[in-house]
């Protein structure tokens, strides 16, 4: 007989991604915010300007056929790690995400790069988001800017319970782009730890933003994930997505659906449409 406490924990997990997105293999589009206050690229423009451009991308993604969105501080480069993200960035992120939530009819997620943890949860709670992308839920490693970081699962899951925010689901990266794992943490170990500590879905990516993982790596991750949903987190485009979607349970897409395929450009609705058709196997 399953203990009551274990039954409660199990009840918090989604059985598949359709529970959030209403479709078994969702296509989730990235809303890359302009540099937020405090970032080197921020030049003093108003929060309304950030919202305006974010909404434009959100509308293009939804009109193009995406089933959900993730609002991310993509241009707060170089990224801070974990608890070092500054409060002005966190506050602005929440305001932008809430504006997108109010204007959208699809589920919204939040990503706070790198590995926002409890701050990421706070943004999601304020914005009314359905899920968060956690960059380093378990394990440890070094980010591209040189910051050492470690998994945030212990603090994040306790805080989620304290805030009565258990409806916000955890999509956790394994073998995350822009980072190098601590020696000895191979993908099998990382997936095992991440599943054990309660992630609702796993994300597999390539080496950097825009880089696709090897198909063999995705196949291995799908086997290791067992019954946990697996999403592609980088490098997909209209040419390779069909092969990836035969293995994975969904995709998060950003770079390839921008104008001219350049990540700093606005979302190109025609590219979104072509990507969605390819992902769904239609012409």
Protein backbone atom coordinates (compact mmCIF):
# COMPACT_ATOMS: atom_id res chain seq x y z
CA UNK A 1 0.00 0.00 0.00
CA UNK A 2 1.36 3.41 -1.00
CA UNK A 3 1.89 5.69 2.03
CA UNK A 4 -0.33 8.77 2.09
CA UNK A 5 2.59 11.16 1.89
CA UNK A 6 3.92 9.42 -1.24
CA UNK A 7 0.46 9.38 -2.81
CA UNK A 8 0.25 13.12 -2.21
CA UNK A 9 3.60 13.79 -3.88
CA UNK A 10 2.66 11.57 -6.82
CA UNK A 11 -0.63 13.44 -7.23
CA UNK A 12 1.25 16.69 -7.87
CA UNK A 13 2.82 15.37 -11.08
CA UNK A 14 1.27 15.72 -14.50
CA UNK A 15 0.77 12.44 -16.36
CA UNK A 16 1.66 13.99 -19.70
CA UNK A 17 2.12 17.41 -21.27
CA UNK A 18 -1.46 17.36 -22.53
CA UNK A 19 -2.53 18.12 -18.96
CA UNK A 20 -1.11 21.63 -19.40
CA UNK A 21 -1.24 22.29 -23.13
CA UNK A 22 -4.26 20.26 -24.26
CA UNK A 23 -2.18 18.44 -26.84
CA UNK A 24 0.13 15.43 -26.33
CA UNK A 25 3.17 16.94 -28.14
CA UNK A 26 3.15 20.70 -27.56
CA UNK A 27 5.13 23.31 -29.44
CA UNK A 28 6.26 25.99 -26.99
CA UNK A 29 7.54 29.29 -28.38
CA UNK A 30 10.10 31.50 -26.68
CA UNK A 31 9.39 35.16 -25.92
CA UNK A 32 12.86 36.67 -25.56
CA UNK A 33 12.52 39.92 -23.61
CA UNK A 34 14.60 42.91 -24.56
CA UNK A 35 17.38 43.64 -22.02
CA UNK A 36 15.72 44.31 -18.68
CA UNK A 37 16.76 47.11 -16.28
CA UNK A 38 20.25 46.48 -14.97
CA UNK A 39 21.44 44.50 -18.00
CA UNK A 40 24.38 45.91 -20.02
CA UNK A 41 22.13 46.14 -23.10
CA UNK A 42 19.45 48.17 -21.34
CA UNK A 43 19.49 51.81 -22.52
CA UNK A 44 16.78 53.35 -20.35
CA UNK A 45 13.69 52.65 -22.47
CA UNK A 46 10.41 52.19 -20.64
CA UNK A 47 8.89 48.96 -19.41
CA UNK A 48 6.10 49.66 -21.89
CA UNK A 49 8.63 49.33 -24.72
CA UNK A 50 9.74 45.93 -23.43
CA UNK A 51 6.12 44.80 -23.13
CA UNK A 52 5.26 46.06 -26.62
CA UNK A 53 7.98 43.98 -28.29
CA UNK A 54 7.28 40.94 -26.10
CA UNK A 55 3.58 41.07 -26.97
CA UNK A 56 4.36 41.32 -30.66
CA UNK A 57 6.42 38.13 -30.48
CA UNK A 58 3.82 36.39 -28.32
CA UNK A 59 1.02 37.15 -30.77
CA UNK A 60 3.13 35.94 -33.72
CA UNK A 61 3.93 32.68 -31.93
CA UNK A 62 0.31 32.00 -31.05
CA UNK A 63 -1.00 32.98 -34.48
CA UNK A 64 1.63 30.70 -36.02
CA UNK A 65 0.30 27.74 -34.07
CA UNK A 66 2.33 27.43 -30.85
CA UNK A 67 0.57 25.70 -27.96
CA UNK A 68 2.34 27.62 -25.19
CA UNK A 69 4.92 30.31 -24.47
CA UNK A 70 7.95 30.78 -22.23
CA UNK A 71 8.89 34.33 -21.23
CA UNK A 72 12.65 34.60 -20.72
CA UNK A 73 15.24 37.28 -19.89
CA UNK A 74 17.30 36.15 -22.88
CA UNK A 75 19.13 39.44 -23.34
CA UNK A 76 20.28 40.00 -19.76
CA UNK A 77 23.75 38.99 -20.92
CA UNK A 78 26.22 38.16 -19.47
CA UNK A 79 23.89 36.11 -17.27
CA UNK A 80 24.08 36.08 -13.50
CA UNK A 81 23.67 32.71 -11.80
CA UNK A 82 21.13 31.51 -9.27
CA UNK A 83 20.47 33.88 -6.35
CA UNK A 84 22.61 36.65 -7.85
CA UNK A 85 19.91 37.84 -10.29
CA UNK A 86 19.10 41.42 -9.33
CA UNK A 87 15.69 42.57 -8.00
CA UNK A 88 15.10 45.14 -10.75
CA UNK A 89 15.39 42.40 -13.36
CA UNK A 90 13.09 40.07 -11.42
CA UNK A 91 10.43 42.78 -11.01
CA UNK A 92 10.50 43.80 -14.67
CA UNK A 93 10.37 40.17 -15.78
CA UNK A 94 7.22 39.59 -13.72
CA UNK A 95 5.52 42.69 -15.12
CA UNK A 96 6.25 41.68 -18.73
CA UNK A 97 5.18 38.09 -18.15
CA UNK A 98 1.91 39.18 -16.54
CA UNK A 99 1.12 41.39 -19.54
CA UNK A 100 1.67 38.43 -21.86
CA UNK A 101 -0.44 36.18 -19.67
CA UNK A 102 -3.34 38.64 -19.76
CA UNK A 103 -3.13 38.93 -23.56
CA UNK A 104 -2.75 35.22 -24.34
CA UNK A 105 -5.05 32.22 -24.42
CA UNK A 106 -2.28 29.62 -24.16
CA UNK A 107 -0.34 28.40 -21.10
CA UNK A 108 2.59 30.59 -20.08
CA UNK A 109 5.91 29.47 -18.60
CA UNK A 110 8.86 31.40 -17.18
CA UNK A 111 12.61 30.96 -17.50
CA UNK A 112 15.06 33.08 -15.50
CA UNK A 113 18.57 32.61 -16.84
CA UNK A 114 20.71 31.25 -15.31
CA UNK A 115 18.86 28.99 -12.89
CA UNK A 116 16.65 31.55 -11.16
CA UNK A 117 15.31 29.04 -8.64
CA UNK A 118 13.14 30.67 -5.97
CA UNK A 119 13.16 34.03 -7.81
CA UNK A 120 11.93 32.19 -10.91
CA UNK A 121 9.06 30.77 -8.88
CA UNK A 122 8.20 34.26 -7.63
CA UNK A 123 7.98 35.60 -11.17
CA UNK A 124 5.75 32.70 -12.18
CA UNK A 125 3.47 33.20 -9.21
CA UNK A 126 3.10 36.94 -9.88
CA UNK A 127 2.52 36.38 -13.60
CA UNK A 128 0.02 33.53 -13.24
CA UNK A 129 2.27 31.11 -15.12
CA UNK A 130 1.56 27.40 -15.41
CA UNK A 131 5.14 26.12 -15.39
CA UNK A 132 8.77 27.12 -15.01
CA UNK A 133 11.92 26.04 -16.84
CA UNK A 134 14.60 25.32 -14.23
CA UNK A 135 18.09 25.33 -15.71
CA UNK A 136 19.89 23.36 -12.98
CA UNK A 137 17.36 21.62 -10.75
CA UNK A 138 19.90 19.04 -9.52
CA UNK A 139 23.63 18.48 -9.85
CA UNK A 140 26.30 21.15 -10.15
CA UNK A 141 28.41 22.82 -12.79
CA UNK A 142 29.94 25.93 -14.29
CA UNK A 143 28.01 28.42 -16.43
CA UNK A 144 29.38 30.14 -19.53
CA UNK A 145 30.13 33.37 -17.63
CA UNK A 146 32.30 31.40 -15.19
CA UNK A 147 29.86 31.18 -12.29
CA UNK A 148 29.78 28.00 -10.23
CA UNK A 149 26.22 26.87 -9.54
CA UNK A 150 24.35 24.00 -7.96
CA UNK A 151 20.91 22.45 -8.08
CA UNK A 152 18.10 24.43 -6.50
CA UNK A 153 15.62 21.59 -5.96
CA UNK A 154 15.70 21.58 -2.15
CA UNK A 155 14.93 25.29 -1.76
CA UNK A 156 12.62 25.50 -4.76
CA UNK A 157 10.34 22.62 -3.84
CA UNK A 158 10.03 23.75 -0.23
CA UNK A 159 9.27 27.30 -1.27
CA UNK A 160 6.72 26.10 -3.83
CA UNK A 161 4.88 24.30 -1.04
CA UNK A 162 5.09 27.29 1.34
CA UNK A 163 3.66 29.61 -1.30
CA UNK A 164 0.81 27.20 -2.14
CA UNK A 165 2.17 27.23 -5.68
CA UNK A 166 2.21 23.50 -6.38
CA UNK A 167 0.06 24.08 -9.46
CA UNK A 168 3.18 25.59 -11.07
CA UNK A 169 4.95 22.65 -12.69
CA UNK A 170 8.69 22.08 -12.96
CA UNK A 171 10.29 21.58 -16.38
CA UNK A 172 13.94 20.82 -15.60
CA UNK A 173 16.94 20.85 -17.91
CA UNK A 174 19.40 17.97 -17.90
CA UNK A 175 22.84 18.37 -19.46
CA UNK A 176 21.95 22.05 -19.90
CA UNK A 177 23.31 24.24 -22.69
CA UNK A 178 25.68 27.08 -21.75
CA UNK A 179 27.18 24.98 -18.95
CA UNK A 180 29.57 22.16 -18.13
CA UNK A 181 28.59 19.55 -15.55
CA UNK A 182 30.75 18.71 -12.57
CA UNK A 183 32.92 15.68 -13.46
CA UNK A 184 31.10 12.42 -12.89
CA UNK A 185 27.59 13.75 -13.49
CA UNK A 186 26.76 12.01 -16.74
CA UNK A 187 23.36 12.32 -18.39
CA UNK A 188 22.03 9.10 -16.87
CA UNK A 189 22.92 10.28 -13.38
CA UNK A 190 21.53 13.76 -13.97
CA UNK A 191 18.21 12.43 -15.26
CA UNK A 192 17.92 9.97 -12.39
CA UNK A 193 18.49 12.73 -9.80
CA UNK A 194 16.14 15.14 -11.54
CA UNK A 195 13.29 12.62 -11.74
CA UNK A 196 13.84 11.52 -8.12
CA UNK A 197 13.46 15.07 -6.78
CA UNK A 198 10.16 15.68 -8.50
CA UNK A 199 10.54 17.32 -11.91
CA UNK A 200 7.36 17.15 -14.01
CA UNK A 201 9.18 17.15 -17.35
CA UNK A 202 12.78 17.00 -18.57
CA UNK A 203 14.46 19.20 -21.19
CA UNK A 204 17.40 18.13 -23.34
CA UNK A 205 19.44 20.65 -25.35
CA UNK A 206 22.57 21.15 -27.38
CA UNK A 207 25.81 22.88 -26.39
CA UNK A 208 24.65 26.49 -26.81
CA UNK A 209 21.54 28.44 -27.80
CA UNK A 210 20.63 27.46 -31.36
CA UNK A 211 22.63 24.21 -31.23
CA UNK A 212 20.69 20.97 -31.67
CA UNK A 213 21.50 17.92 -29.56
CA UNK A 214 22.56 14.75 -31.34
CA UNK A 215 19.62 12.53 -32.21
CA UNK A 216 21.32 9.65 -30.37
CA UNK A 217 21.52 11.80 -27.24
CA UNK A 218 17.80 12.51 -27.44
CA UNK A 219 17.06 8.80 -27.90
CA UNK A 220 19.17 7.97 -24.85
CA UNK A 221 17.45 10.68 -22.80
CA UNK A 222 14.01 9.41 -23.85
CA UNK A 223 14.89 5.91 -22.57
CA UNK A 224 16.35 7.23 -19.32
CA UNK A 225 13.39 9.55 -18.71
CA UNK A 226 11.04 6.53 -18.54
CA UNK A 227 7.50 7.88 -17.97
CA UNK A 228 8.61 11.51 -17.49
CA UNK A 229 7.85 13.78 -20.48
CA UNK A 230 10.89 14.90 -22.49
CA UNK A 231 11.15 18.20 -24.39
CA UNK A 232 13.71 19.47 -26.89
CA UNK A 233 15.24 22.69 -25.58
CA UNK A 234 17.45 24.07 -28.36
CA UNK A 235 18.49 23.85 -31.98
CA UNK A 236 15.30 22.66 -33.65
CA UNK A 237 14.21 24.04 -37.01
CA UNK A 238 11.79 23.14 -39.78
CA UNK A 239 14.34 20.74 -41.30
CA UNK A 240 15.12 18.59 -38.26
CA UNK A 241 12.04 18.86 -36.05
CA UNK A 242 10.12 15.96 -37.58
CA UNK A 243 12.86 13.46 -36.63
CA UNK A 244 13.11 14.88 -33.11
CA UNK A 245 9.34 14.80 -32.56
CA UNK A 246 9.29 11.08 -33.30
CA UNK A 247 11.27 10.66 -30.07
CA UNK A 248 10.47 13.61 -27.80
CA UNK A 249 7.17 14.64 -26.21
CA UNK A 250 7.38 18.29 -27.21
CA UNK A 251 9.65 21.14 -28.21
CA UNK A 252 10.72 24.58 -27.03
CA UNK A 253 11.71 26.75 -30.00
CA UNK A 254 13.23 30.20 -30.27
CA UNK A 255 16.16 30.97 -32.57
CA UNK A 256 15.06 29.36 -35.83
CA UNK A 257 11.69 31.13 -35.95
CA UNK A 258 13.12 34.64 -35.79
CA UNK A 259 13.40 36.88 -38.86
CA UNK A 260 16.29 35.58 -41.03
CA UNK A 261 16.93 32.98 -38.31
CA UNK A 262 18.79 35.56 -36.20
CA UNK A 263 17.99 35.25 -32.51
CA UNK A 264 18.03 38.99 -31.77
CA UNK A 265 15.35 39.64 -34.40
CA UNK A 266 11.56 39.62 -33.89
CA UNK A 267 9.59 36.41 -34.38
CA UNK A 268 8.74 35.70 -38.02
CA UNK A 269 5.20 34.35 -38.22
CA UNK A 270 5.86 32.59 -41.53
CA UNK A 271 8.78 30.73 -40.00
CA UNK A 272 6.58 29.79 -37.06
CA UNK A 273 3.93 28.40 -39.40
CA UNK A 274 6.46 26.34 -41.35
CA UNK A 275 8.00 25.02 -38.14
CA UNK A 276 4.61 24.03 -36.72
CA UNK A 277 3.64 22.25 -39.95
CA UNK A 278 6.92 20.34 -39.97
CA UNK A 279 6.62 19.42 -36.27
CA UNK A 280 3.10 18.09 -36.80
CA UNK A 281 3.97 16.20 -39.93
CA UNK A 282 1.75 18.27 -42.24
CA UNK A 283 2.58 20.19 -45.40
